[in-house]
Amino acid sequence: KGKQSDVKFWVNELTKKLKTICELCPYAKVIVSPILPTRYMWLNQKALEFNRLLFNYCQINPRIGTLDFNIFVDSKGLLDKQFCRFKSPEDGLHLGSNGIF
């Protein structure tokens, strides 16, 4: 369980790559995927912070868009059990067939 600054570091790394892509491909629309939610609260907090920073970056950069994974989230903000592998809360990280198709 690292610090929030770890999240900021990786968002910064990603945004540097996105800037490079936009410079090399000036007419491209870039779509970036946020981090999917998990069933693990400690990991979810990092994912949500990463996604919040990513969405903020995308709002000020109109050539960069994101996917919307809100359908995967339950009322607690965790990965909905129906999308887990084998619909089992024991594997709260990997998607099952409902989450893939």
C-alpha atoms as a PDB file:
ATOM      1  CA  LYS A   1       0.000   0.000   0.000  1.00  0.00           C
ATOM      2  CA  GLY A   2       1.926   2.968  -1.298  1.00  0.00           C
ATOM      3  CA  LYS A   3       1.381   6.644  -0.896  1.00  0.00           C
ATOM      4  CA  GLN A   4      -1.005   8.786  -2.948  1.00  0.00           C
ATOM      5  CA  SER A   5       2.105  10.363  -4.475  1.00  0.00           C
ATOM      6  CA  ASP A   6       2.669   7.018  -6.226  1.00  0.00           C
ATOM      7  CA  VAL A   7      -0.628   7.573  -8.019  1.00  0.00           C
ATOM      8  CA  LYS A   8       0.377  11.093  -8.998  1.00  0.00           C
ATOM      9  CA  PHE A   9       3.681   9.803 -10.305  1.00  0.00           C
ATOM     10  CA  TRP A  10       1.980   7.280 -12.618  1.00  0.00           C
ATOM     11  CA  VAL A  11      -0.616   9.783 -13.828  1.00  0.00           C
ATOM     12  CA  ASN A  12       2.263  12.130 -14.639  1.00  0.00           C
ATOM     13  CA  GLU A  13       4.021   9.337 -16.557  1.00  0.00           C
ATOM     14  CA  LEU A  14       0.851   8.618 -18.530  1.00  0.00           C
ATOM     15  CA  THR A  15       0.222  12.282 -19.336  1.00  0.00           C
ATOM     16  CA  LYS A  16       3.797  12.635 -20.627  1.00  0.00           C
ATOM     17  CA  LYS A  17       3.132   9.731 -23.002  1.00  0.00           C
ATOM     18  CA  LEU A  18      -0.181  11.255 -24.088  1.00  0.00           C
ATOM     19  CA  LYS A  19       1.510  14.588 -24.826  1.00  0.00           C
ATOM     20  CA  THR A  20       4.122  12.810 -26.924  1.00  0.00           C
ATOM     21  CA  ILE A  21       1.430  10.941 -28.875  1.00  0.00           C
ATOM     22  CA  CYS A  22      -0.429  14.202 -29.529  1.00  0.00           C
ATOM     23  CA  GLU A  23       2.776  15.868 -30.750  1.00  0.00           C
ATOM     24  CA  LEU A  24       3.633  12.970 -33.070  1.00  0.00           C
ATOM     25  CA  CYS A  25       0.050  12.571 -34.337  1.00  0.00           C
ATOM     26  CA  PRO A  26      -1.406  16.100 -34.375  1.00  0.00           C
ATOM     27  CA  TYR A  27      -4.740  15.073 -35.950  1.00  0.00           C
ATOM     28  CA  ALA A  28      -5.392  12.003 -33.818  1.00  0.00           C
ATOM     29  CA  LYS A  29      -8.119  11.691 -31.206  1.00  0.00           C
ATOM     30  CA  VAL A  30      -6.656   9.611 -28.371  1.00  0.00           C
ATOM     31  CA  ILE A  31      -8.863   7.409 -26.210  1.00  0.00           C
ATOM     32  CA  VAL A  32      -7.428   6.315 -22.876  1.00  0.00           C
ATOM     33  CA  SER A  33      -8.903   3.735 -20.542  1.00  0.00           C
ATOM     34  CA  PRO A  34      -9.351   4.547 -16.866  1.00  0.00           C
ATOM     35  CA  ILE A  35      -8.581   1.860 -14.298  1.00  0.00           C
ATOM     36  CA  LEU A  36     -11.438  -0.552 -13.723  1.00  0.00           C
ATOM     37  CA  PRO A  37     -12.856  -0.758 -10.206  1.00  0.00           C
ATOM     38  CA  THR A  38     -11.994  -3.778  -8.043  1.00  0.00           C
ATOM     39  CA  ARG A  39     -13.596  -5.485  -5.032  1.00  0.00           C
ATOM     40  CA  TYR A  40     -10.640  -4.398  -2.870  1.00  0.00           C
ATOM     41  CA  MET A  41     -11.257  -1.070  -1.131  1.00  0.00           C
ATOM     42  CA  TRP A  42      -7.561  -0.178  -0.648  1.00  0.00           C
ATOM     43  CA  LEU A  43      -6.824  -0.756  -4.329  1.00  0.00           C
ATOM     44  CA  ASN A  44     -10.040   0.934  -5.400  1.00  0.00           C
ATOM     45  CA  GLN A  45      -9.038   4.112  -3.578  1.00  0.00           C
ATOM     46  CA  LYS A  46      -5.858   4.295  -5.653  1.00  0.00           C
ATOM     47  CA  ALA A  47      -7.757   3.517  -8.861  1.00  0.00           C
ATOM     48  CA  LEU A  48     -10.357   6.203  -8.148  1.00  0.00           C
ATOM     49  CA  GLU A  49      -7.644   8.777  -7.403  1.00  0.00           C
ATOM     50  CA  PHE A  50      -5.798   7.822 -10.595  1.00  0.00           C
ATOM     51  CA  ASN A  51      -9.016   8.092 -12.615  1.00  0.00           C
ATOM     52  CA  ARG A  52      -9.931  11.450 -11.039  1.00  0.00           C
ATOM     53  CA  LEU A  53      -6.564  12.910 -12.029  1.00  0.00           C
ATOM     54  CA  LEU A  54      -6.822  11.343 -15.488  1.00  0.00           C
ATOM     55  CA  PHE A  55     -10.330  12.763 -16.042  1.00  0.00           C
ATOM     56  CA  ASN A  56      -9.119  16.210 -14.936  1.00  0.00           C
ATOM     57  CA  TYR A  57      -6.329  16.021 -17.503  1.00  0.00           C
ATOM     58  CA  CYS A  58      -8.750  14.927 -20.228  1.00  0.00           C
ATOM     59  CA  GLN A  59     -11.131  17.811 -19.487  1.00  0.00           C
ATOM     60  CA  ILE A  60      -8.460  20.355 -20.373  1.00  0.00           C
ATOM     61  CA  ASN A  61      -7.209  18.372 -23.386  1.00  0.00           C
ATOM     62  CA  PRO A  62     -10.061  17.994 -25.878  1.00  0.00           C
ATOM     63  CA  ARG A  63      -8.109  15.580 -28.098  1.00  0.00           C
ATOM     64  CA  ILE A  64      -7.944  13.043 -25.278  1.00  0.00           C
ATOM     65  CA  GLY A  65     -11.081  11.095 -24.377  1.00  0.00           C
ATOM     66  CA  THR A  66     -11.793   8.339 -21.876  1.00  0.00           C
ATOM     67  CA  LEU A  67     -13.984   5.273 -21.676  1.00  0.00           C
ATOM     68  CA  ASP A  68     -16.804   5.131 -19.125  1.00  0.00           C
ATOM     69  CA  PHE A  69     -16.683   2.166 -16.739  1.00  0.00           C
ATOM     70  CA  ASN A  70     -19.447   3.327 -14.379  1.00  0.00           C
ATOM     71  CA  ILE A  71     -21.603   0.361 -15.402  1.00  0.00           C
ATOM     72  CA  PHE A  72     -19.089  -1.934 -13.643  1.00  0.00           C
ATOM     73  CA  VAL A  73     -19.544  -0.239 -10.235  1.00  0.00           C
ATOM     74  CA  ASP A  74     -21.981  -1.326  -7.522  1.00  0.00           C
ATOM     75  CA  SER A  75     -23.692   0.957  -4.995  1.00  0.00           C
ATOM     76  CA  LYS A  76     -20.574   0.845  -2.769  1.00  0.00           C
ATOM     77  CA  GLY A  77     -18.278   1.996  -5.576  1.00  0.00           C
ATOM     78  CA  LEU A  78     -16.687  -1.447  -5.946  1.00  0.00           C
ATOM     79  CA  LEU A  79     -16.586  -3.802  -8.912  1.00  0.00           C
ATOM     80  CA  ASP A  80     -20.089  -5.304  -9.124  1.00  0.00           C
ATOM     81  CA  LYS A  81     -20.074  -9.031  -8.285  1.00  0.00           C
ATOM     82  CA  GLN A  82     -21.882  -9.855 -11.519  1.00  0.00           C
ATOM     83  CA  PHE A  83     -18.765  -8.826 -13.458  1.00  0.00           C
ATOM     84  CA  CYS A  84     -16.247 -10.758 -11.296  1.00  0.00           C
ATOM     85  CA  ARG A  85     -14.712 -13.994 -12.486  1.00  0.00           C
ATOM     86  CA  PHE A  86     -17.113 -16.798 -11.551  1.00  0.00           C
ATOM     87  CA  LYS A  87     -19.331 -14.066 -10.020  1.00  0.00           C
ATOM     88  CA  SER A  88     -17.280 -14.599  -6.901  1.00  0.00           C
ATOM     89  CA  PRO A  89     -16.196 -11.883  -4.483  1.00  0.00           C
ATOM     90  CA  GLU A  90     -13.083 -13.955  -3.692  1.00  0.00           C
ATOM     91  CA  ASP A  91     -11.575 -12.828  -7.005  1.00  0.00           C
ATOM     92  CA  GLY A  92     -12.252  -9.134  -6.841  1.00  0.00           C
ATOM     93  CA  LEU A  93      -9.741  -8.142  -9.472  1.00  0.00           C
ATOM     94  CA  HIS A  94     -10.374 -10.160 -12.638  1.00  0.00           C
ATOM     95  CA  LEU A  95     -13.367  -9.824 -14.925  1.00  0.00           C
ATOM     96  CA  GLY A  96     -15.535 -12.808 -15.730  1.00  0.00           C
ATOM     97  CA  SER A  97     -17.448 -13.417 -18.951  1.00  0.00           C
ATOM     98  CA  ASN A  98     -20.144 -10.848 -18.021  1.00  0.00           C
ATOM     99  CA  GLY A  99     -17.466  -8.199 -17.645  1.00  0.00           C
ATOM    100  CA  ILE A 100     -15.748  -9.044 -20.894  1.00  0.00           C
ATOM    101  CA  PHE A 101     -18.658  -9.513 -23.318  1.00  0.00           C
END
